[in-house]
């Protein structure tokens, strides 16, 4: 079975080589880059990846579907540049593809935040559908929080990705701001509206859910910071939507 790895990138020079090295067992590497200003593209090409550079940004879902359309393998593994396939997961994927029992597989992610792997706060095991038979699944067209929609049976692998999404707190705060804007625009386009009071309610509930219900307090100060920033992200998402709603009146 030929395996294609697909990755979308923008300014991922610090991650892309490690990511590609972790999937060196694959047969094909497809990278779709949305205008990196660092040497992400050169590093990917030096590794042997096929790289397409786009001059627009349609959102995460459409961009990943672009990468998917370029893949020629029988199976596809979608991975983010800040993720790594562990050696155990690499062996498991290769074994599974010799005799697949399903058309798609979910894989857990163990995510690092500022030097600590987070095992609570809703961060673990964080299963994501990333390995699938080509032609049996596509990504949704969502601008953010895209997901793979499969047609056939889905099973779970035992191995996991290592995920390094935030090198520091600034990176998390910047992502919260960017994602809240994209999410607010997406909700507005779907006809949703909000008030500043509903934004407060969403923020408060997000903190309770992550810090107490999902036991973020067991992750120490990292868990507290994650709960607060997630609450802030939820608040800003609906606050931005409320201002969009006012502007339309």
Protein backbone atom coordinates (compact mmCIF):
# COMPACT_ATOMS: atom_id res chain seq x y z
CA UNK A 1 0.00 0.00 0.00
CA UNK A 2 1.41 3.38 -1.02
CA UNK A 3 1.12 5.98 1.76
CA UNK A 4 0.94 9.72 1.10
CA UNK A 5 1.59 12.23 3.89
CA UNK A 6 -0.11 15.61 3.51
CA UNK A 7 0.86 18.76 5.45
CA UNK A 8 -0.22 22.39 5.18
CA UNK A 9 2.26 25.03 6.30
CA UNK A 10 3.02 28.68 6.82
CA UNK A 11 6.30 29.73 8.45
CA UNK A 12 6.96 26.31 9.97
CA UNK A 13 10.73 26.22 9.49
CA UNK A 14 11.29 25.31 13.14
CA UNK A 15 8.97 22.29 12.84
CA UNK A 16 8.85 20.99 9.28
CA UNK A 17 12.05 18.91 9.24
CA UNK A 18 11.24 17.12 12.48
CA UNK A 19 7.73 16.45 11.23
CA UNK A 20 8.92 15.02 7.91
CA UNK A 21 11.63 12.94 9.57
CA UNK A 22 9.00 11.32 11.79
CA UNK A 23 7.07 10.12 8.70
CA UNK A 24 10.10 9.13 6.63
CA UNK A 25 8.58 5.65 6.22
CA UNK A 26 5.89 7.06 3.88
CA UNK A 27 6.09 6.88 0.09
CA UNK A 28 5.08 10.45 -0.73
CA UNK A 29 5.15 13.83 1.00
CA UNK A 30 2.78 16.60 -0.08
CA UNK A 31 3.21 20.10 1.41
CA UNK A 32 0.81 22.94 0.57
CA UNK A 33 2.26 26.23 1.79
CA UNK A 34 0.33 29.49 2.06
CA UNK A 35 3.14 31.97 1.51
CA UNK A 36 5.83 31.28 4.09
CA UNK A 37 8.38 34.05 4.52
CA UNK A 38 10.94 31.78 6.19
CA UNK A 39 12.66 28.75 4.60
CA UNK A 40 9.83 26.26 5.17
CA UNK A 41 9.43 25.61 1.45
CA UNK A 42 13.16 25.07 0.84
CA UNK A 43 13.46 22.70 3.80
CA UNK A 44 10.47 20.66 2.64
CA UNK A 45 11.79 20.41 -0.91
CA UNK A 46 15.24 19.45 0.34
CA UNK A 47 13.60 16.57 2.20
CA UNK A 48 11.99 15.39 -1.04
CA UNK A 49 8.47 16.70 -0.58
CA UNK A 50 6.28 17.91 -3.41
CA UNK A 51 5.47 21.52 -2.51
CA UNK A 52 2.64 23.70 -3.79
CA UNK A 53 2.72 27.38 -2.77
CA UNK A 54 -0.65 29.11 -2.84
CA UNK A 55 -1.23 32.85 -3.01
CA UNK A 56 -4.41 32.80 -0.93
CA UNK A 57 -5.71 31.39 2.34
CA UNK A 58 -9.15 29.74 1.99
CA UNK A 59 -9.16 28.32 5.52
CA UNK A 60 -7.85 25.12 7.09
CA UNK A 61 -10.40 22.74 5.61
CA UNK A 62 -10.16 23.88 1.98
CA UNK A 63 -6.37 24.10 2.19
CA UNK A 64 -6.10 20.54 3.48
CA UNK A 65 -8.40 19.37 0.70
CA UNK A 66 -6.00 20.97 -1.77
CA UNK A 67 -3.21 18.86 -0.31
CA UNK A 68 -5.44 15.79 -0.37
CA UNK A 69 -6.20 16.32 -4.07
CA UNK A 70 -2.46 16.22 -4.82
CA UNK A 71 -1.88 12.92 -3.03
CA UNK A 72 -1.45 9.81 -5.20
CA UNK A 73 -1.16 7.12 -2.53
CA UNK A 74 -3.64 4.39 -1.69
CA UNK A 75 -3.75 5.75 1.87
CA UNK A 76 -3.34 9.25 3.26
CA UNK A 77 -1.88 10.39 6.58
CA UNK A 78 -2.70 14.00 7.41
CA UNK A 79 -0.31 15.54 9.91
CA UNK A 80 0.32 19.09 11.11
CA UNK A 81 3.82 20.52 10.96
CA UNK A 82 3.95 20.78 14.76
CA UNK A 83 3.14 17.08 15.19
CA UNK A 84 5.43 14.06 15.27
CA UNK A 85 4.70 10.40 14.61
CA UNK A 86 6.33 8.44 17.42
CA UNK A 87 8.37 5.33 16.51
CA UNK A 88 5.69 3.07 18.00
CA UNK A 89 2.97 4.80 15.97
CA UNK A 90 5.09 4.56 12.81
CA UNK A 91 5.42 0.79 13.26
CA UNK A 92 1.70 0.45 13.96
CA UNK A 93 0.71 2.41 10.85
CA UNK A 94 2.94 0.26 8.67
CA UNK A 95 1.53 -2.93 10.20
CA UNK A 96 -2.08 -1.75 9.80
CA UNK A 97 -1.59 -0.90 6.14
CA UNK A 98 -0.45 -4.44 5.36
CA UNK A 99 -3.94 -5.67 6.31
CA UNK A 100 -6.39 -2.80 6.94
CA UNK A 101 -9.49 -3.61 8.97
CA UNK A 102 -11.20 -0.25 8.34
CA UNK A 103 -11.22 2.63 5.87
CA UNK A 104 -10.10 5.21 8.42
CA UNK A 105 -8.29 5.39 11.74
CA UNK A 106 -8.27 7.85 14.62
CA UNK A 107 -5.01 8.67 16.39
CA UNK A 108 -4.56 10.22 19.83
CA UNK A 109 -2.44 13.33 20.39
CA UNK A 110 -0.26 14.03 23.41
CA UNK A 111 0.26 17.79 23.39
CA UNK A 112 3.04 19.85 24.92
CA UNK A 113 2.40 23.26 26.42
CA UNK A 114 5.44 25.33 27.42
CA UNK A 115 7.55 22.25 28.14
CA UNK A 116 4.92 20.04 29.80
CA UNK A 117 2.81 17.30 28.24
CA UNK A 118 -0.81 17.97 29.21
CA UNK A 119 -2.79 14.89 30.27
CA UNK A 120 -5.99 16.59 31.46
CA UNK A 121 -7.83 19.84 30.55
CA UNK A 122 -9.51 18.03 27.66
CA UNK A 123 -6.16 17.76 25.88
CA UNK A 124 -5.65 14.02 26.22
CA UNK A 125 -6.23 11.69 24.47
CA UNK A 126 -7.66 14.12 21.87
CA UNK A 127 -8.37 11.55 19.15
CA UNK A 128 -8.26 12.92 15.60
CA UNK A 129 -9.08 11.10 12.37
CA UNK A 130 -5.93 11.39 10.29
CA UNK A 131 -5.26 8.08 8.52
CA UNK A 132 -7.71 7.05 5.78
CA UNK A 133 -8.04 5.24 2.50
CA UNK A 134 -7.73 7.66 -0.37
CA UNK A 135 -11.10 8.48 -1.88
CA UNK A 136 -13.14 7.55 1.19
CA UNK A 137 -12.88 10.81 3.16
CA UNK A 138 -12.48 14.56 2.81
CA UNK A 139 -12.05 17.52 5.11
CA UNK A 140 -14.94 19.82 5.91
CA UNK A 141 -14.78 23.30 4.41
CA UNK A 142 -14.57 24.96 7.84
CA UNK A 143 -12.14 27.85 8.11
CA UNK A 144 -11.09 26.63 11.57
CA UNK A 145 -11.67 23.42 13.52
CA UNK A 146 -11.91 21.40 10.33
CA UNK A 147 -12.36 17.64 10.53
CA UNK A 148 -12.21 14.60 8.31
CA UNK A 149 -15.57 13.18 7.25
CA UNK A 150 -15.20 9.45 6.47
CA UNK A 151 -17.53 7.26 4.44
CA UNK A 152 -16.65 3.87 5.93
CA UNK A 153 -15.77 2.20 9.22
CA UNK A 154 -13.46 4.01 11.63
CA UNK A 155 -11.15 2.31 14.15
CA UNK A 156 -8.58 3.67 16.61
CA UNK A 157 -4.86 3.04 16.68
CA UNK A 158 -3.02 2.46 19.96
CA UNK A 159 -0.15 4.84 19.19
CA UNK A 160 -0.21 8.62 19.36
CA UNK A 161 1.18 11.80 17.88
CA UNK A 162 3.38 14.07 19.91
CA UNK A 163 2.08 17.60 19.41
CA UNK A 164 4.07 20.81 20.00
CA UNK A 165 1.58 23.61 19.29
CA UNK A 166 2.93 26.36 21.55
CA UNK A 167 6.57 27.19 22.16
CA UNK A 168 5.54 29.89 24.62
CA UNK A 169 2.54 31.71 26.03
CA UNK A 170 2.72 34.42 23.38
CA UNK A 171 2.09 31.80 20.69
CA UNK A 172 -1.05 30.62 22.50
CA UNK A 173 -2.37 34.15 22.98
CA UNK A 174 -1.76 35.02 19.32
CA UNK A 175 -3.60 31.87 18.21
CA UNK A 176 -6.54 32.62 20.52
CA UNK A 177 -6.89 36.05 18.90
CA UNK A 178 -6.59 34.74 15.35
CA UNK A 179 -8.91 31.75 15.82
CA UNK A 180 -11.56 33.78 17.67
CA UNK A 181 -11.75 36.18 14.71
CA UNK A 182 -12.06 33.34 12.18
CA UNK A 183 -14.65 31.52 14.30
CA UNK A 184 -16.73 34.67 14.80
CA UNK A 185 -16.76 35.32 11.06
CA UNK A 186 -17.76 31.73 10.38
CA UNK A 187 -20.61 31.86 12.92
CA UNK A 188 -21.81 35.19 11.55
CA UNK A 189 -21.91 33.75 8.03
CA UNK A 190 -24.09 30.91 9.34
CA UNK A 191 -26.57 33.42 10.75
CA UNK A 192 -25.59 33.19 14.41
CA UNK A 193 -25.73 36.29 16.61
CA UNK A 194 -24.51 37.10 20.12
CA UNK A 195 -24.57 39.73 22.86
CA UNK A 196 -21.84 40.73 25.27
CA UNK A 197 -23.74 38.91 28.02
CA UNK A 198 -23.80 35.65 26.08
CA UNK A 199 -20.06 36.12 25.48
CA UNK A 200 -19.54 36.33 29.25
CA UNK A 201 -21.60 33.20 29.78
CA UNK A 202 -19.66 31.23 27.17
CA UNK A 203 -16.34 32.32 28.67
CA UNK A 204 -17.38 31.39 32.20
CA UNK A 205 -18.70 27.98 31.17
CA UNK A 206 -15.52 27.24 29.19
CA UNK A 207 -13.39 27.85 32.27
CA UNK A 208 -15.59 25.59 34.44
CA UNK A 209 -15.59 22.84 31.83
CA UNK A 210 -11.83 22.78 31.32
CA UNK A 211 -10.51 23.54 34.80
CA UNK A 212 -13.03 21.60 36.90
CA UNK A 213 -14.97 19.09 34.78
CA UNK A 214 -11.98 18.10 32.66
CA UNK A 215 -9.69 18.34 35.70
CA UNK A 216 -7.33 20.97 34.35
CA UNK A 217 -6.31 21.68 37.94
CA UNK A 218 -4.31 18.42 37.82
CA UNK A 219 -2.06 20.02 35.20
CA UNK A 220 -0.85 22.61 37.72
CA UNK A 221 -0.23 26.18 36.64
CA UNK A 222 -0.20 25.02 33.01
CA UNK A 223 -3.77 23.80 33.42
CA UNK A 224 -4.86 27.07 35.00
CA UNK A 225 -3.32 29.09 32.17
CA UNK A 226 -4.95 26.85 29.56
CA UNK A 227 -8.36 27.16 31.21
CA UNK A 228 -8.11 30.95 31.43
CA UNK A 229 -6.92 31.38 27.84
CA UNK A 230 -9.59 28.99 26.54
CA UNK A 231 -12.20 30.98 28.45
CA UNK A 232 -10.79 34.19 26.99
CA UNK A 233 -10.89 32.69 23.51
CA UNK A 234 -14.54 31.73 23.94
CA UNK A 235 -15.39 35.18 25.30
CA UNK A 236 -13.59 36.98 22.47
CA UNK A 237 -15.20 34.74 19.86
CA UNK A 238 -18.71 35.70 20.95
CA UNK A 239 -17.76 39.30 21.77
CA UNK A 240 -16.47 39.75 18.24
CA UNK A 241 -19.66 38.16 16.94
CA UNK A 242 -21.71 40.62 19.00
CA UNK A 243 -19.91 43.57 17.41
CA UNK A 244 -20.49 42.07 13.96
CA UNK A 245 -24.18 41.76 14.85
CA UNK A 246 -24.32 45.42 15.93
CA UNK A 247 -22.57 46.59 12.77
CA UNK A 248 -25.14 44.81 10.60
CA UNK A 249 -28.11 46.57 12.24
